[in-house]
Amino acid sequence: MKKDTFNVRDRLSAKACLRSADDDALAEGRISAIDLQRANAAFQHIDFSAGRIVLREEDPIL
């Protein structure tokens, strides 16, 4: 059984097509800029307002 592998060129092409479709929908008024942003927000359900980074002396130097 051959395992599917990730193809960067295929993914870039697919993303370009999706962006083009989004641009067309926005230009034609089928979707608002706010709705498009909400639809494309990968982390929209996470509240980062309470997040913080805590560094201690034993942490590695970044």
N, C-alpha and C. Protein backbone atom coordinates (compact mmCIF):
# COMPACT_ATOMS: atom_id res chain seq x y z
N MET A 1 0.84 -1.17 0.00
CA MET A 1 0.00 0.00 0.00
C MET A 1 0.89 1.24 0.00
N LYS A 2 0.65 2.15 -0.96
CA LYS A 2 1.44 3.37 -1.03
C LYS A 2 0.85 4.43 -0.11
N LYS A 3 1.71 5.03 0.66
CA LYS A 3 1.27 6.08 1.58
C LYS A 3 1.24 7.41 0.84
N ASP A 4 0.16 8.17 1.04
CA ASP A 4 0.07 9.50 0.45
C ASP A 4 1.13 10.39 1.08
N THR A 5 1.77 11.19 0.26
CA THR A 5 2.77 12.10 0.77
C THR A 5 2.34 13.54 0.48
N PHE A 6 2.84 14.43 1.26
CA PHE A 6 2.54 15.85 1.11
C PHE A 6 3.31 16.40 -0.06
N ASN A 7 2.64 17.08 -0.95
CA ASN A 7 3.28 17.68 -2.11
C ASN A 7 3.16 19.20 -1.99
N VAL A 8 4.28 19.86 -1.84
CA VAL A 8 4.30 21.30 -1.63
C VAL A 8 3.71 22.04 -2.83
N ARG A 9 4.07 21.64 -4.02
CA ARG A 9 3.55 22.33 -5.21
C ARG A 9 2.03 22.20 -5.32
N ASP A 10 1.51 21.02 -5.02
CA ASP A 10 0.06 20.83 -5.06
C ASP A 10 -0.63 21.71 -4.01
N ARG A 11 -0.03 21.79 -2.83
CA ARG A 11 -0.63 22.59 -1.76
C ARG A 11 -0.59 24.08 -2.11
N LEU A 12 0.54 24.55 -2.67
CA LEU A 12 0.63 25.95 -3.07
C LEU A 12 -0.40 26.28 -4.15
N SER A 13 -0.59 25.37 -5.07
CA SER A 13 -1.58 25.57 -6.13
C SER A 13 -2.99 25.61 -5.55
N ALA A 14 -3.29 24.72 -4.64
CA ALA A 14 -4.61 24.68 -4.03
C ALA A 14 -4.88 25.96 -3.23
N LYS A 15 -3.87 26.43 -2.50
CA LYS A 15 -4.03 27.65 -1.72
C LYS A 15 -4.24 28.85 -2.63
N ALA A 16 -3.53 28.89 -3.75
CA ALA A 16 -3.70 29.99 -4.71
C ALA A 16 -5.12 30.00 -5.28
N CYS A 17 -5.65 28.83 -5.56
CA CYS A 17 -7.03 28.73 -6.07
C CYS A 17 -8.03 29.21 -5.02
N LEU A 18 -7.81 28.82 -3.78
CA LEU A 18 -8.70 29.24 -2.70
C LEU A 18 -8.64 30.76 -2.50
N ARG A 19 -7.43 31.33 -2.56
CA ARG A 19 -7.28 32.77 -2.41
C ARG A 19 -7.99 33.51 -3.54
N SER A 20 -7.86 32.97 -4.75
CA SER A 20 -8.51 33.58 -5.91
C SER A 20 -10.03 33.54 -5.75
N ALA A 21 -10.55 32.41 -5.29
CA ALA A 21 -11.99 32.29 -5.07
C ALA A 21 -12.45 33.26 -3.98
N ASP A 22 -11.65 33.42 -2.93
CA ASP A 22 -11.98 34.38 -1.87
C ASP A 22 -11.99 35.80 -2.41
N ASP A 23 -10.98 36.14 -3.22
CA ASP A 23 -10.92 37.48 -3.82
C ASP A 23 -12.13 37.74 -4.70
N ASP A 24 -12.52 36.76 -5.50
CA ASP A 24 -13.69 36.90 -6.37
C ASP A 24 -14.96 37.10 -5.55
N ALA A 25 -15.13 36.30 -4.51
CA ALA A 25 -16.32 36.41 -3.66
C ALA A 25 -16.38 37.76 -2.98
N LEU A 26 -15.24 38.26 -2.54
CA LEU A 26 -15.17 39.56 -1.89
C LEU A 26 -15.49 40.67 -2.90
N ALA A 27 -14.90 40.61 -4.08
CA ALA A 27 -15.12 41.63 -5.10
C ALA A 27 -16.58 41.65 -5.58
N GLU A 28 -17.22 40.50 -5.64
CA GLU A 28 -18.60 40.41 -6.10
C GLU A 28 -19.61 40.66 -4.99
N GLY A 29 -19.13 40.83 -3.76
CA GLY A 29 -20.02 41.13 -2.65
C GLY A 29 -20.75 39.91 -2.09
N ARG A 30 -20.29 38.71 -2.45
CA ARG A 30 -20.93 37.50 -1.91
C ARG A 30 -20.54 37.24 -0.48
N ILE A 31 -19.47 37.90 -0.02
CA ILE A 31 -19.00 37.76 1.36
C ILE A 31 -18.37 39.08 1.77
N SER A 32 -18.51 39.42 3.04
CA SER A 32 -17.89 40.65 3.52
C SER A 32 -16.46 40.35 3.97
N ALA A 33 -15.67 41.41 4.09
CA ALA A 33 -14.28 41.25 4.53
C ALA A 33 -14.24 40.64 5.93
N ILE A 34 -15.15 41.05 6.79
CA ILE A 34 -15.18 40.52 8.17
C ILE A 34 -15.53 39.03 8.15
N ASP A 35 -16.54 38.66 7.36
CA ASP A 35 -16.94 37.24 7.28
C ASP A 35 -15.82 36.39 6.69
N LEU A 36 -15.12 36.93 5.71
CA LEU A 36 -14.00 36.20 5.10
C LEU A 36 -12.89 36.00 6.12
N GLN A 37 -12.60 37.03 6.89
CA GLN A 37 -11.57 36.92 7.92
C GLN A 37 -11.96 35.87 8.95
N ARG A 38 -13.21 35.87 9.35
CA ARG A 38 -13.67 34.87 10.33
C ARG A 38 -13.56 33.45 9.77
N ALA A 39 -13.93 33.29 8.51
CA ALA A 39 -13.89 31.96 7.89
C ALA A 39 -12.47 31.43 7.76
N ASN A 40 -11.51 32.34 7.58
CA ASN A 40 -10.13 31.92 7.35
C ASN A 40 -9.26 31.96 8.60
N ALA A 41 -9.83 32.33 9.73
CA ALA A 41 -9.05 32.42 10.97
C ALA A 41 -8.90 31.03 11.59
N ALA A 42 -7.70 30.50 11.52
CA ALA A 42 -7.45 29.14 12.02
C ALA A 42 -7.58 29.03 13.53
N PHE A 43 -7.26 30.10 14.24
CA PHE A 43 -7.26 30.05 15.71
C PHE A 43 -8.35 30.94 16.31
N GLN A 44 -9.45 31.11 15.58
CA GLN A 44 -10.49 32.02 16.03
C GLN A 44 -11.14 31.60 17.34
N HIS A 45 -11.10 30.33 17.65
CA HIS A 45 -11.77 29.85 18.86
C HIS A 45 -10.88 29.91 20.11
N ILE A 46 -9.64 30.34 19.96
CA ILE A 46 -8.71 30.39 21.09
C ILE A 46 -8.59 31.83 21.59
N ASP A 47 -8.70 32.02 22.89
CA ASP A 47 -8.55 33.34 23.49
C ASP A 47 -7.10 33.50 23.96
N PHE A 48 -6.35 34.31 23.23
CA PHE A 48 -4.95 34.52 23.56
C PHE A 48 -4.73 35.66 24.54
N SER A 49 -5.79 36.33 24.96
CA SER A 49 -5.64 37.51 25.81
C SER A 49 -5.04 37.17 27.18
N ALA A 50 -5.25 35.96 27.66
CA ALA A 50 -4.72 35.57 28.96
C ALA A 50 -3.40 34.82 28.85
N GLY A 51 -2.91 34.65 27.64
CA GLY A 51 -1.66 33.89 27.44
C GLY A 51 -0.45 34.70 27.83
N ARG A 52 0.58 34.02 28.26
CA ARG A 52 1.83 34.70 28.59
C ARG A 52 2.99 33.72 28.46
N ILE A 53 4.16 34.26 28.36
CA ILE A 53 5.38 33.45 28.29
C ILE A 53 6.14 33.68 29.59
N VAL A 54 6.45 32.61 30.27
CA VAL A 54 7.18 32.70 31.54
C VAL A 54 8.53 32.03 31.34
N LEU A 55 9.58 32.81 31.51
CA LEU A 55 10.93 32.26 31.39
C LEU A 55 11.53 32.13 32.80
N ARG A 56 12.16 31.00 33.00
CA ARG A 56 12.85 30.75 34.27
C ARG A 56 14.34 30.61 33.97
N GLU A 57 15.15 30.68 35.01
CA GLU A 57 16.59 30.57 34.80
C GLU A 57 16.99 29.24 34.20
N GLU A 58 16.25 28.18 34.50
CA GLU A 58 16.63 26.87 33.97
C GLU A 58 16.19 26.66 32.50
N ASP A 59 15.40 27.63 31.97
CA ASP A 59 15.00 27.52 30.57
C ASP A 59 16.20 27.79 29.66
N PRO A 60 16.25 27.18 28.50
CA PRO A 60 17.37 27.40 27.58
C PRO A 60 17.33 28.84 27.03
N ILE A 61 18.46 29.32 26.63
CA ILE A 61 18.53 30.64 26.02
C ILE A 61 17.99 30.53 24.59
N LEU A 62 17.08 31.40 24.26
CA LEU A 62 16.46 31.36 22.94
C LEU A 62 17.16 32.25 21.97
